[in-house]
Amino acid sequence: MWTITEGQDVRIDPKLIPEHVWKYLARDTLEAAKRFYADPKNREKYEKWKAEQDAAKKVID
């Protein structure tokens, strides 16, 4: 279980993470995203969000 303790600041130096760990992180993140968007409800929510973002961008441009 993770707990948040006041006064602690965790910092990770990405340069110290070995390349093979980056590959595992990338692979696992991609697979999680594929599983997430394979659910039609999640895909529908994304499409709605994306349309809203595109509409807002057109207003700014």
N, C-alpha and C. Protein backbone atom coordinates (compact mmCIF):
# COMPACT_ATOMS: atom_id res chain seq x y z
N MET A 1 0.85 -1.17 0.00
CA MET A 1 0.00 0.00 0.00
C MET A 1 0.90 1.24 0.00
N TRP A 2 0.50 2.21 -0.78
CA TRP A 2 1.26 3.45 -0.85
C TRP A 2 0.67 4.46 0.11
N THR A 3 1.51 5.17 0.79
CA THR A 3 1.05 6.24 1.66
C THR A 3 1.80 7.51 1.29
N ILE A 4 1.12 8.61 1.46
CA ILE A 4 1.74 9.90 1.19
C ILE A 4 2.11 10.51 2.54
N THR A 5 3.37 10.86 2.64
CA THR A 5 3.86 11.45 3.88
C THR A 5 4.32 12.86 3.57
N GLU A 6 3.84 13.80 4.34
CA GLU A 6 4.23 15.19 4.11
C GLU A 6 5.73 15.34 4.31
N GLY A 7 6.31 16.20 3.49
CA GLY A 7 7.72 16.50 3.64
C GLY A 7 8.63 15.59 2.82
N GLN A 8 8.07 14.57 2.18
CA GLN A 8 8.88 13.69 1.36
C GLN A 8 8.67 14.02 -0.11
N ASP A 9 9.75 14.09 -0.82
CA ASP A 9 9.70 14.41 -2.24
C ASP A 9 10.52 13.35 -2.97
N VAL A 10 9.84 12.46 -3.69
CA VAL A 10 10.54 11.40 -4.41
C VAL A 10 10.88 11.89 -5.80
N ARG A 11 12.11 11.74 -6.16
CA ARG A 11 12.56 12.14 -7.50
C ARG A 11 13.28 10.97 -8.14
N ILE A 12 12.97 10.74 -9.40
CA ILE A 12 13.60 9.66 -10.14
C ILE A 12 14.37 10.26 -11.30
N ASP A 13 15.62 9.92 -11.40
CA ASP A 13 16.45 10.40 -12.50
C ASP A 13 16.32 9.42 -13.66
N PRO A 14 15.62 9.81 -14.72
CA PRO A 14 15.38 8.89 -15.84
C PRO A 14 16.67 8.35 -16.46
N LYS A 15 17.75 9.11 -16.35
CA LYS A 15 19.02 8.67 -16.93
C LYS A 15 19.56 7.43 -16.23
N LEU A 16 19.10 7.18 -15.02
CA LEU A 16 19.58 6.03 -14.26
C LEU A 16 18.77 4.76 -14.50
N ILE A 17 17.69 4.88 -15.26
CA ILE A 17 16.85 3.71 -15.55
C ILE A 17 17.45 2.97 -16.74
N PRO A 18 17.75 1.68 -16.56
CA PRO A 18 18.35 0.91 -17.65
C PRO A 18 17.43 0.82 -18.87
N GLU A 19 18.05 0.66 -20.04
CA GLU A 19 17.28 0.62 -21.29
C GLU A 19 16.27 -0.52 -21.29
N HIS A 20 16.62 -1.68 -20.76
CA HIS A 20 15.69 -2.81 -20.77
C HIS A 20 14.45 -2.51 -19.93
N VAL A 21 14.59 -1.69 -18.90
CA VAL A 21 13.42 -1.32 -18.08
C VAL A 21 12.52 -0.39 -18.88
N TRP A 22 13.10 0.54 -19.64
CA TRP A 22 12.30 1.43 -20.49
C TRP A 22 11.50 0.62 -21.50
N LYS A 23 12.14 -0.42 -22.06
CA LYS A 23 11.44 -1.26 -23.04
C LYS A 23 10.26 -1.97 -22.40
N TYR A 24 10.44 -2.50 -21.18
CA TYR A 24 9.33 -3.15 -20.48
C TYR A 24 8.22 -2.16 -20.18
N LEU A 25 8.58 -0.96 -19.75
CA LEU A 25 7.57 0.06 -19.45
C LEU A 25 6.78 0.43 -20.71
N ALA A 26 7.49 0.60 -21.81
CA ALA A 26 6.83 0.97 -23.07
C ALA A 26 5.91 -0.16 -23.53
N ARG A 27 6.40 -1.39 -23.49
CA ARG A 27 5.60 -2.54 -23.92
C ARG A 27 4.34 -2.68 -23.08
N ASP A 28 4.50 -2.61 -21.76
CA ASP A 28 3.37 -2.79 -20.86
C ASP A 28 2.35 -1.65 -20.97
N THR A 29 2.86 -0.43 -21.17
CA THR A 29 1.97 0.72 -21.32
C THR A 29 1.16 0.59 -22.61
N LEU A 30 1.81 0.18 -23.70
CA LEU A 30 1.11 0.00 -24.96
C LEU A 30 0.02 -1.07 -24.83
N GLU A 31 0.34 -2.18 -24.20
CA GLU A 31 -0.65 -3.25 -24.03
C GLU A 31 -1.83 -2.78 -23.17
N ALA A 32 -1.55 -2.01 -22.13
CA ALA A 32 -2.63 -1.49 -21.28
C ALA A 32 -3.53 -0.55 -22.08
N ALA A 33 -2.93 0.29 -22.91
CA ALA A 33 -3.72 1.22 -23.73
C ALA A 33 -4.58 0.44 -24.72
N LYS A 34 -4.03 -0.60 -25.32
CA LYS A 34 -4.81 -1.41 -26.26
C LYS A 34 -6.00 -2.06 -25.56
N ARG A 35 -5.77 -2.60 -24.38
CA ARG A 35 -6.88 -3.22 -23.63
C ARG A 35 -7.94 -2.18 -23.27
N PHE A 36 -7.49 -1.00 -22.84
CA PHE A 36 -8.41 0.06 -22.45
C PHE A 36 -9.30 0.48 -23.62
N TYR A 37 -8.69 0.74 -24.77
CA TYR A 37 -9.45 1.22 -25.92
C TYR A 37 -10.17 0.11 -26.67
N ALA A 38 -9.93 -1.15 -26.32
CA ALA A 38 -10.69 -2.25 -26.90
C ALA A 38 -12.12 -2.27 -26.37
N ASP A 39 -12.35 -1.63 -25.23
CA ASP A 39 -13.69 -1.53 -24.65
C ASP A 39 -14.44 -0.42 -25.38
N PRO A 40 -15.55 -0.73 -26.02
CA PRO A 40 -16.29 0.28 -26.79
C PRO A 40 -16.70 1.50 -25.96
N LYS A 41 -16.99 1.32 -24.69
CA LYS A 41 -17.37 2.46 -23.84
C LYS A 41 -16.20 3.43 -23.69
N ASN A 42 -15.01 2.89 -23.48
CA ASN A 42 -13.84 3.75 -23.35
C ASN A 42 -13.52 4.44 -24.66
N ARG A 43 -13.64 3.72 -25.76
CA ARG A 43 -13.38 4.30 -27.08
C ARG A 43 -14.37 5.43 -27.37
N GLU A 44 -15.64 5.21 -27.02
CA GLU A 44 -16.68 6.22 -27.23
C GLU A 44 -16.37 7.48 -26.42
N LYS A 45 -15.98 7.30 -25.15
CA LYS A 45 -15.64 8.46 -24.32
C LYS A 45 -14.45 9.22 -24.90
N TYR A 46 -13.47 8.47 -25.41
CA TYR A 46 -12.31 9.12 -26.03
C TYR A 46 -12.72 9.92 -27.26
N GLU A 47 -13.54 9.32 -28.11
CA GLU A 47 -13.97 10.01 -29.33
C GLU A 47 -14.73 11.29 -28.99
N LYS A 48 -15.56 11.24 -27.95
CA LYS A 48 -16.29 12.43 -27.52
C LYS A 48 -15.31 13.50 -27.03
N TRP A 49 -14.35 13.09 -26.19
CA TRP A 49 -13.35 14.02 -25.66
C TRP A 49 -12.55 14.63 -26.81
N LYS A 50 -12.14 13.80 -27.77
CA LYS A 50 -11.34 14.28 -28.89
C LYS A 50 -12.10 15.29 -29.72
N ALA A 51 -13.39 15.04 -29.96
CA ALA A 51 -14.21 15.98 -30.73
C ALA A 51 -14.30 17.32 -30.00
N GLU A 52 -14.45 17.27 -28.68
CA GLU A 52 -14.51 18.51 -27.88
C GLU A 52 -13.18 19.27 -27.97
N GLN A 53 -12.08 18.54 -27.92
CA GLN A 53 -10.76 19.18 -28.02
C GLN A 53 -10.57 19.82 -29.38
N ASP A 54 -10.96 19.11 -30.43
CA ASP A 54 -10.83 19.64 -31.78
C ASP A 54 -11.70 20.89 -31.96
N ALA A 55 -12.91 20.86 -31.41
CA ALA A 55 -13.80 22.02 -31.51
C ALA A 55 -13.23 23.22 -30.76
N ALA A 56 -12.67 22.97 -29.59
CA ALA A 56 -12.07 24.05 -28.80
C ALA A 56 -10.85 24.63 -29.51
N LYS A 57 -10.08 23.77 -30.17
CA LYS A 57 -8.89 24.24 -30.88
C LYS A 57 -9.29 25.13 -32.06
N LYS A 58 -10.39 24.79 -32.74
CA LYS A 58 -10.85 25.59 -33.87
C LYS A 58 -11.27 26.98 -33.39
N VAL A 59 -11.82 27.07 -32.19
CA VAL A 59 -12.23 28.36 -31.65
C VAL A 59 -10.99 29.22 -31.38
N ILE A 60 -9.94 28.60 -30.90
CA ILE A 60 -8.71 29.35 -30.58
C ILE A 60 -8.01 29.79 -31.86
N ASP A 61 -7.98 28.93 -32.87
CA ASP A 61 -7.29 29.26 -34.13
C ASP A 61 -8.08 30.30 -34.83
